[in-house]
PDB file of N, CA and C in Angstrom:
ATOM      1  N   MET A   1      80.371  96.918 103.476  1.00  0.00           N
ATOM      2  CA  MET A   1      80.964  95.667 103.888  1.00  0.00           C
ATOM      3  C   MET A   1      81.399  95.828 105.339  1.00  0.00           C
ATOM      4  N   SER A   2      80.909  94.967 106.171  1.00  0.00           N
ATOM      5  CA  SER A   2      81.315  95.037 107.573  1.00  0.00           C
ATOM      6  C   SER A   2      82.469  94.085 107.799  1.00  0.00           C
ATOM      7  N   GLY A   3      83.249  94.363 108.795  1.00  0.00           N
ATOM      8  CA  GLY A   3      84.399  93.521 109.091  1.00  0.00           C
ATOM      9  C   GLY A   3      85.615  94.372 109.337  1.00  0.00           C
ATOM     10  N   MET A   4      86.648  93.746 109.843  1.00  0.00           N
ATOM     11  CA  MET A   4      87.870  94.462 110.123  1.00  0.00           C
ATOM     12  C   MET A   4      88.928  93.994 109.134  1.00  0.00           C
ATOM     13  N   PHE A   5      89.670  94.936 108.543  1.00  0.00           N
ATOM     14  CA  PHE A   5      90.651  94.576 107.537  1.00  0.00           C
ATOM     15  C   PHE A   5      92.049  94.643 108.111  1.00  0.00           C
ATOM     16  N   SER A   6      92.886  93.760 107.641  1.00  0.00           N
ATOM     17  CA  SER A   6      94.266  93.734 108.105  1.00  0.00           C
ATOM     18  C   SER A   6      95.052  94.857 107.450  1.00  0.00           C
ATOM     19  N   LEU A   7      96.168  95.203 108.037  1.00  0.00           N
ATOM     20  CA  LEU A   7      97.019  96.244 107.499  1.00  0.00           C
ATOM     21  C   LEU A   7      97.905  95.719 106.385  1.00  0.00           C
ATOM     22  N   PHE A   8      97.987  94.410 106.212  1.00  0.00           N
ATOM     23  CA  PHE A   8      98.935  93.803 105.289  1.00  0.00           C
ATOM     24  C   PHE A   8      98.304  93.386 103.972  1.00  0.00           C
ATOM     25  N   GLY A   9      97.150  93.899 103.629  1.00  0.00           N
ATOM     26  CA  GLY A   9      96.544  93.542 102.361  1.00  0.00           C
ATOM     27  C   GLY A   9      95.049  93.702 102.420  1.00  0.00           C
ATOM     28  N   ARG A  10      94.402  93.093 101.475  1.00  0.00           N
ATOM     29  CA  ARG A  10      92.955  93.234 101.378  1.00  0.00           C
ATOM     30  C   ARG A  10      92.202  92.120 102.079  1.00  0.00           C
ATOM     31  N   MET A  11      92.908  91.167 102.618  1.00  0.00           N
ATOM     32  CA  MET A  11      92.230  90.026 103.230  1.00  0.00           C
ATOM     33  C   MET A  11      91.582  90.434 104.549  1.00  0.00           C
ATOM     34  N   PRO A  12      90.296  90.196 104.690  1.00  0.00           N
ATOM     35  CA  PRO A  12      89.643  90.550 105.949  1.00  0.00           C
ATOM     36  C   PRO A  12      90.056  89.600 107.063  1.00  0.00           C
ATOM     37  N   LEU A  13      90.167  90.142 108.269  1.00  0.00           N
ATOM     38  CA  LEU A  13      90.457  89.296 109.420  1.00  0.00           C
ATOM     39  C   LEU A  13      89.231  88.459 109.762  1.00  0.00           C
ATOM     40  N   PHE A  14      88.067  89.057 109.645  1.00  0.00           N
ATOM     41  CA  PHE A  14      86.823  88.312 109.744  1.00  0.00           C
ATOM     42  C   PHE A  14      85.828  89.038 108.867  1.00  0.00           C
ATOM     43  N   PHE A  15      84.869  88.308 108.333  1.00  0.00           N
ATOM     44  CA  PHE A  15      83.929  88.920 107.408  1.00  0.00           C
ATOM     45  C   PHE A  15      82.567  88.309 107.638  1.00  0.00           C
ATOM     46  N   LYS A  16      81.605  89.141 107.920  1.00  0.00           N
ATOM     47  CA  LYS A  16      80.226  88.682 108.068  1.00  0.00           C
ATOM     48  C   LYS A  16      79.408  89.456 107.048  1.00  0.00           C
ATOM     49  N   GLY A  17      78.993  88.784 106.018  1.00  0.00           N
ATOM     50  CA  GLY A  17      78.235  89.450 104.970  1.00  0.00           C
ATOM     51  C   GLY A  17      78.306  88.653 103.686  1.00  0.00           C
ATOM     52  N   THR A  18      78.066  89.332 102.598  1.00  0.00           N
ATOM     53  CA  THR A  18      78.090  88.666 101.306  1.00  0.00           C
ATOM     54  C   THR A  18      79.146  89.302 100.429  1.00  0.00           C
ATOM     55  N   TYR A  19      79.624  88.527  99.484  1.00  0.00           N
ATOM     56  CA  TYR A  19      80.557  89.022  98.493  1.00  0.00           C
ATOM     57  C   TYR A  19      79.759  89.317  97.228  1.00  0.00           C
ATOM     58  N   ASN A  20      79.924  90.485  96.675  1.00  0.00           N
ATOM     59  CA  ASN A  20      79.269  90.828  95.421  1.00  0.00           C
ATOM     60  C   ASN A  20      80.345  91.111  94.394  1.00  0.00           C
ATOM     61  N   THR A  21      80.582  90.142  93.539  1.00  0.00           N
ATOM     62  CA  THR A  21      81.552  90.300  92.472  1.00  0.00           C
ATOM     63  C   THR A  21      80.783  90.340  91.165  1.00  0.00           C
ATOM     64  N   GLU A  22      81.037  91.383  90.391  1.00  0.00           N
ATOM     65  CA  GLU A  22      80.274  91.575  89.169  1.00  0.00           C
ATOM     66  C   GLU A  22      81.231  91.884  88.029  1.00  0.00           C
ATOM     67  N   VAL A  23      80.969  91.279  86.877  1.00  0.00           N
ATOM     68  CA  VAL A  23      81.758  91.530  85.679  1.00  0.00           C
ATOM     69  C   VAL A  23      80.775  91.841  84.560  1.00  0.00           C
ATOM     70  N   VAL A  24      80.940  92.987  83.929  1.00  0.00           N
ATOM     71  CA  VAL A  24      80.083  93.364  82.804  1.00  0.00           C
ATOM     72  C   VAL A  24      80.736  92.849  81.532  1.00  0.00           C
ATOM     73  N   VAL A  25      79.982  92.057  80.785  1.00  0.00           N
ATOM     74  CA  VAL A  25      80.502  91.427  79.574  1.00  0.00           C
ATOM     75  C   VAL A  25      80.095  92.265  78.369  1.00  0.00           C
ATOM     76  N   GLY A  26      81.075  92.598  77.535  1.00  0.00           N
ATOM     77  CA  GLY A  26      80.794  93.353  76.319  1.00  0.00           C
ATOM     78  C   GLY A  26      80.133  92.479  75.266  1.00  0.00           C
ATOM     79  N   GLU A  27      79.513  93.128  74.275  1.00  0.00           N
ATOM     80  CA  GLU A  27      78.787  92.372  73.249  1.00  0.00           C
ATOM     81  C   GLU A  27      79.716  91.494  72.419  1.00  0.00           C
ATOM     82  N   SER A  28      80.877  92.009  72.062  1.00  0.00           N
ATOM     83  CA  SER A  28      81.781  91.233  71.204  1.00  0.00           C
ATOM     84  C   SER A  28      82.895  90.559  72.003  1.00  0.00           C
ATOM     85  N   GLU A  29      82.781  90.538  73.340  1.00  0.00           N
ATOM     86  CA  GLU A  29      83.828  89.942  74.177  1.00  0.00           C
ATOM     87  C   GLU A  29      83.673  88.431  74.230  1.00  0.00           C
ATOM     88  N   PRO A  30      84.749  87.693  74.030  1.00  0.00           N
ATOM     89  CA  PRO A  30      84.651  86.229  74.122  1.00  0.00           C
ATOM     90  C   PRO A  30      84.343  85.789  75.555  1.00  0.00           C
ATOM     91  N   ALA A  31      83.693  84.653  75.673  1.00  0.00           N
ATOM     92  CA  ALA A  31      83.307  84.130  76.984  1.00  0.00           C
ATOM     93  C   ALA A  31      84.539  83.813  77.834  1.00  0.00           C
ATOM     94  N   GLU A  32      85.610  83.338  77.193  1.00  0.00           N
ATOM     95  CA  GLU A  32      86.811  82.973  77.939  1.00  0.00           C
ATOM     96  C   GLU A  32      87.408  84.172  78.674  1.00  0.00           C
ATOM     97  N   SER A  33      87.445  85.324  78.002  1.00  0.00           N
ATOM     98  CA  SER A  33      88.025  86.500  78.655  1.00  0.00           C
ATOM     99  C   SER A  33      87.121  86.989  79.782  1.00  0.00           C
ATOM    100  N   ALA A  34      85.795  86.873  79.618  1.00  0.00           N
ATOM    101  CA  ALA A  34      84.877  87.276  80.683  1.00  0.00           C
ATOM    102  C   ALA A  34      85.043  86.365  81.902  1.00  0.00           C
ATOM    103  N   ILE A  35      85.197  85.078  81.657  1.00  0.00           N
ATOM    104  CA  ILE A  35      85.403  84.130  82.758  1.00  0.00           C
ATOM    105  C   ILE A  35      86.720  84.419  83.454  1.00  0.00           C
ATOM    106  N   ARG A  36      87.764  84.730  82.672  1.00  0.00           N
ATOM    107  CA  ARG A  36      89.062  85.057  83.249  1.00  0.00           C
ATOM    108  C   ARG A  36      88.971  86.305  84.133  1.00  0.00           C
ATOM    109  N   ARG A  37      88.266  87.338  83.645  1.00  0.00           N
ATOM    110  CA  ARG A  37      88.098  88.558  84.442  1.00  0.00           C
ATOM    111  C   ARG A  37      87.287  88.282  85.708  1.00  0.00           C
ATOM    112  N   PHE A  38      86.260  87.434  85.595  1.00  0.00           N
ATOM    113  CA  PHE A  38      85.451  87.089  86.767  1.00  0.00           C
ATOM    114  C   PHE A  38      86.288  86.345  87.801  1.00  0.00           C
ATOM    115  N   ARG A  39      87.079  85.380  87.361  1.00  0.00           N
ATOM    116  CA  ARG A  39      87.931  84.634  88.300  1.00  0.00           C
ATOM    117  C   ARG A  39      88.921  85.553  88.996  1.00  0.00           C
ATOM    118  N   ARG A  40      89.499  86.495  88.250  1.00  0.00           N
ATOM    119  CA  ARG A  40      90.430  87.453  88.832  1.00  0.00           C
ATOM    120  C   ARG A  40      89.730  88.322  89.877  1.00  0.00           C
ATOM    121  N   ALA A  41      88.507  88.769  89.583  1.00  0.00           N
ATOM    122  CA  ALA A  41      87.753  89.597  90.530  1.00  0.00           C
ATOM    123  C   ALA A  41      87.403  88.804  91.791  1.00  0.00           C
ATOM    124  N   VAL A  42      87.060  87.537  91.625  1.00  0.00           N
ATOM    125  CA  VAL A  42      86.736  86.691  92.781  1.00  0.00           C
ATOM    126  C   VAL A  42      87.964  86.495  93.658  1.00  0.00           C
ATOM    127  N   MET A  43      89.114  86.274  93.039  1.00  0.00           N
ATOM    128  CA  MET A  43      90.346  86.090  93.817  1.00  0.00           C
ATOM    129  C   MET A  43      90.726  87.370  94.552  1.00  0.00           C
ATOM    130  N   GLN A  44      90.580  88.530  93.904  1.00  0.00           N
ATOM    131  CA  GLN A  44      90.914  89.790  94.549  1.00  0.00           C
ATOM    132  C   GLN A  44      89.967  90.100  95.697  1.00  0.00           C
ATOM    133  N   ALA A  45      88.713  89.665  95.594  1.00  0.00           N
ATOM    134  CA  ALA A  45      87.739  89.905  96.659  1.00  0.00           C
ATOM    135  C   ALA A  45      87.992  88.999  97.861  1.00  0.00           C
ATOM    136  N   GLY A  46      88.769  87.932  97.679  1.00  0.00           N
ATOM    137  CA  GLY A  46      89.089  87.041  98.791  1.00  0.00           C
ATOM    138  C   GLY A  46      88.045  85.973  99.046  1.00  0.00           C
ATOM    139  N   VAL A  47      87.241  85.665  98.059  1.00  0.00           N
ATOM    140  CA  VAL A  47      86.166  84.685  98.231  1.00  0.00           C
ATOM    141  C   VAL A  47      86.726  83.283  98.411  1.00  0.00           C
ATOM    142  N   ILE A  48      87.667  82.892  97.572  1.00  0.00           N
ATOM    143  CA  ILE A  48      88.187  81.520  97.580  1.00  0.00           C
ATOM    144  C   ILE A  48      88.858  81.177  98.912  1.00  0.00           C
ATOM    145  N   PRO A  49      89.775  82.008  99.429  1.00  0.00           N
ATOM    146  CA  PRO A  49      90.370  81.675 100.733  1.00  0.00           C
ATOM    147  C   PRO A  49      89.335  81.610 101.860  1.00  0.00           C
ATOM    148  N   GLU A  50      88.339  82.472 101.788  1.00  0.00           N
ATOM    149  CA  GLU A  50      87.297  82.471 102.821  1.00  0.00           C
ATOM    150  C   GLU A  50      86.486  81.172 102.768  1.00  0.00           C
ATOM    151  N   VAL A  51      86.167  80.711 101.568  1.00  0.00           N
ATOM    152  CA  VAL A  51      85.412  79.462 101.418  1.00  0.00           C
ATOM    153  C   VAL A  51      86.244  78.289 101.922  1.00  0.00           C
ATOM    154  N   ARG A  52      87.528  78.279 101.571  1.00  0.00           N
ATOM    155  CA  ARG A  52      88.396  77.182 102.028  1.00  0.00           C
ATOM    156  C   ARG A  52      88.514  77.191 103.546  1.00  0.00           C
ATOM    157  N   ARG A  53      88.586  78.384 104.126  1.00  0.00           N
ATOM    158  CA  ARG A  53      88.718  78.488 105.580  1.00  0.00           C
ATOM    159  C   ARG A  53      87.442  78.009 106.273  1.00  0.00           C
ATOM    160  N   ARG A  54      86.295  78.293 105.683  1.00  0.00           N
ATOM    161  CA  ARG A  54      85.017  77.927 106.309  1.00  0.00           C
ATOM    162  C   ARG A  54      84.540  76.521 105.952  1.00  0.00           C
ATOM    163  N   ARG A  55      85.318  75.802 105.171  1.00  0.00           N
ATOM    164  CA  ARG A  55      84.891  74.479 104.737  1.00  0.00           C
ATOM    165  C   ARG A  55      84.663  73.539 105.925  1.00  0.00           C
ATOM    166  N   TYR A  56      85.528  73.624 106.921  1.00  0.00           N
ATOM    167  CA  TYR A  56      85.424  72.770 108.100  1.00  0.00           C
ATOM    168  C   TYR A  56      85.338  73.636 109.340  1.00  0.00           C
ATOM    169  N   PHE A  57      84.748  73.094 110.377  1.00  0.00           N
ATOM    170  CA  PHE A  57      84.647  73.815 111.645  1.00  0.00           C
ATOM    171  C   PHE A  57      86.036  73.961 112.248  1.00  0.00           C
ATOM    172  N   GLU A  58      86.316  75.155 112.755  1.00  0.00           N
ATOM    173  CA  GLU A  58      87.599  75.421 113.397  1.00  0.00           C
ATOM    174  C   GLU A  58      87.376  75.583 114.891  1.00  0.00           C
ATOM    175  N   THR A  59      88.094  74.810 115.648  1.00  0.00           N
ATOM    176  CA  THR A  59      88.013  74.966 117.097  1.00  0.00           C
ATOM    177  C   THR A  59      88.793  76.225 117.480  1.00  0.00           C
ATOM    178  N   PRO A  60      88.544  76.777 118.653  1.00  0.00           N
ATOM    179  CA  PRO A  60      89.302  77.955 119.078  1.00  0.00           C
ATOM    180  C   PRO A  60      90.813  77.723 119.067  1.00  0.00           C
ATOM    181  N   GLN A  61      91.247  76.517 119.389  1.00  0.00           N
ATOM    182  CA  GLN A  61      92.672  76.198 119.358  1.00  0.00           C
ATOM    183  C   GLN A  61      93.201  76.254 117.922  1.00  0.00           C
ATOM    184  N   ASP A  62      92.419  75.741 116.964  1.00  0.00           N
ATOM    185  CA  ASP A  62      92.830  75.782 115.567  1.00  0.00           C
ATOM    186  C   ASP A  62      92.904  77.221 115.052  1.00  0.00           C
ATOM    187  N   ILE A  63      91.979  78.061 115.500  1.00  0.00           N
ATOM    188  CA  ILE A  63      91.984  79.468 115.100  1.00  0.00           C
ATOM    189  C   ILE A  63      93.260  80.136 115.591  1.00  0.00           C
ATOM    190  N   LYS A  64      93.637  79.867 116.840  1.00  0.00           N
ATOM    191  CA  LYS A  64      94.863  80.447 117.389  1.00  0.00           C
ATOM    192  C   LYS A  64      96.082  79.959 116.620  1.00  0.00           C
ATOM    193  N   LYS A  65      96.114  78.667 116.285  1.00  0.00           N
ATOM    194  CA  LYS A  65      97.245  78.112 115.534  1.00  0.00           C
ATOM    195  C   LYS A  65      97.349  78.756 114.158  1.00  0.00           C
ATOM    196  N   ARG A  66      96.219  78.931 113.483  1.00  0.00           N
ATOM    197  CA  ARG A  66      96.216  79.528 112.151  1.00  0.00           C
ATOM    198  C   ARG A  66      96.697  80.978 112.214  1.00  0.00           C
ATOM    199  N   LYS A  67      96.199  81.719 113.183  1.00  0.00           N
ATOM    200  CA  LYS A  67      96.603  83.119 113.308  1.00  0.00           C
ATOM    201  C   LYS A  67      98.087  83.233 113.643  1.00  0.00           C
ATOM    202  N   GLU A  68      98.575  82.345 114.495  1.00  0.00           N
ATOM    203  CA  GLU A  68      99.993  82.354 114.851  1.00  0.00           C
ATOM    204  C   GLU A  68     100.853  82.023 113.629  1.00  0.00           C
ATOM    205  N   ALA A  69     100.423  81.040 112.831  1.00  0.00           N
ATOM    206  CA  ALA A  69     101.170  80.677 111.631  1.00  0.00           C
ATOM    207  C   ALA A  69     101.174  81.830 110.628  1.00  0.00           C
ATOM    208  N   ASN A  70     100.032  82.514 110.489  1.00  0.00           N
ATOM    209  CA  ASN A  70      99.967  83.673 109.595  1.00  0.00           C
ATOM    210  C   ASN A  70     100.890  84.782 110.073  1.00  0.00           C
ATOM    211  N   LYS A  71     100.960  84.975 111.391  1.00  0.00           N
ATOM    212  CA  LYS A  71     101.823  86.004 111.947  1.00  0.00           C
ATOM    213  C   LYS A  71     103.290  85.698 111.643  1.00  0.00           C
ATOM    214  N   HIS A  72     103.674  84.428 111.823  1.00  0.00           N
ATOM    215  CA  HIS A  72     105.057  84.036 111.551  1.00  0.00           C
ATOM    216  C   HIS A  72     105.390  84.201 110.062  1.00  0.00           C
ATOM    217  N   ALA A  73     104.442  83.857 109.198  1.00  0.00           N
ATOM    218  CA  ALA A  73     104.676  83.999 107.758  1.00  0.00           C
ATOM    219  C   ALA A  73     104.823  85.470 107.380  1.00  0.00           C
ATOM    220  N   ARG A  74     103.979  86.340 107.944  1.00  0.00           N
ATOM    221  CA  ARG A  74     104.084  87.773 107.680  1.00  0.00           C
ATOM    222  C   ARG A  74     105.428  88.312 108.132  1.00  0.00           C
ATOM    223  N   ASN A  75     105.848  87.907 109.337  1.00  0.00           N
ATOM    224  CA  ASN A  75     107.134  88.365 109.859  1.00  0.00           C
ATOM    225  C   ASN A  75     108.291  87.866 108.990  1.00  0.00           C
ATOM    226  N   ARG A  76     108.201  86.619 108.517  1.00  0.00           N
ATOM    227  CA  ARG A  76     109.243  86.044 107.676  1.00  0.00           C
ATOM    228  C   ARG A  76     109.351  86.827 106.365  1.00  0.00           C
ATOM    229  N   ARG A  77     108.190  87.124 105.741  1.00  0.00           N
ATOM    230  CA  ARG A  77     108.203  87.893 104.495  1.00  0.00           C
ATOM    231  C   ARG A  77     108.756  89.301 104.716  1.00  0.00           C
ATOM    232  N   ALA A  78     108.364  89.933 105.819  1.00  0.00           N
ATOM    233  CA  ALA A  78     108.855  91.292 106.108  1.00  0.00           C
ATOM    234  C   ALA A  78     110.362  91.273 106.339  1.00  0.00           C
ATOM    235  N   ARG A  79     110.860  90.255 107.043  1.00  0.00           N
ATOM    236  CA  ARG A  79     112.295  90.137 107.308  1.00  0.00           C
ATOM    237  C   ARG A  79     113.057  89.951 106.003  1.00  0.00           C
ATOM    238  N   GLN A  80     112.516  89.116 105.101  1.00  0.00           N
ATOM    239  CA  GLN A  80     113.169  88.893 103.816  1.00  0.00           C
ATOM    240  C   GLN A  80     113.186  90.165 102.981  1.00  0.00           C
ATOM    241  N   GLN A  81     112.104  90.930 103.016  1.00  0.00           N
ATOM    242  CA  GLN A  81     112.062  92.181 102.264  1.00  0.00           C
ATOM    243  C   GLN A  81     113.070  93.182 102.815  1.00  0.00           C
ATOM    244  N   ARG A  82     113.193  93.236 104.131  1.00  0.00           N
ATOM    245  CA  ARG A  82     114.170  94.145 104.734  1.00  0.00           C
ATOM    246  C   ARG A  82     115.599  93.743 104.350  1.00  0.00           C
ATOM    247  N   GLN A  83     115.875  92.434 104.313  1.00  0.00           N
ATOM    248  CA  GLN A  83     117.203  91.971 103.927  1.00  0.00           C
ATOM    249  C   GLN A  83     117.480  92.261 102.460  1.00  0.00           C
ATOM    250  N   ASN A  84     116.483  92.121 101.606  1.00  0.00           N
ATOM    251  CA  ASN A  84     116.673  92.378 100.175  1.00  0.00           C
ATOM    252  C   ASN A  84     116.913  93.857  99.889  1.00  0.00           C
ATOM    253  N   LYS A  85     116.342  94.745 100.689  1.00  0.00           N
ATOM    254  CA  LYS A  85     116.562  96.175 100.504  1.00  0.00           C
ATOM    255  C   LYS A  85     117.971  96.580 100.871  1.00  0.00           C
ATOM    256  N   GLY A  86     118.635  95.787 101.721  1.00  0.00           N
ATOM    257  CA  GLY A  86     119.991  96.116 102.155  1.00  0.00           C
ATOM    258  C   GLY A  86     121.029  95.955 101.060  1.00  0.00           C
ATOM    259  N   PHE A  87     120.741  95.181 100.018  1.00  0.00           N
ATOM    260  CA  PHE A  87     121.728  94.942  98.959  1.00  0.00           C
ATOM    261  C   PHE A  87     121.803  96.091  98.013  1.00  0.00           C
TER     262      PHE A  87
END
């Protein structure tokens, strides 16, 4: 898989390639549980956020705004975690 990964999780900063998510279904496994496992694997691979992000064209200004908003959200979460550890 090519691309650069962020330090704050599994979400790629950019990804050029394909996602290969595979779930092996057992003989006596119900279809519902296989679908549930597949959906979980797709979410962990980051397919859904990537599809939503690529749904519309992003101008360079929109890309900067999105990255800035993500940075502020990361900082906010880190600040809250640091405050919670103080108690």
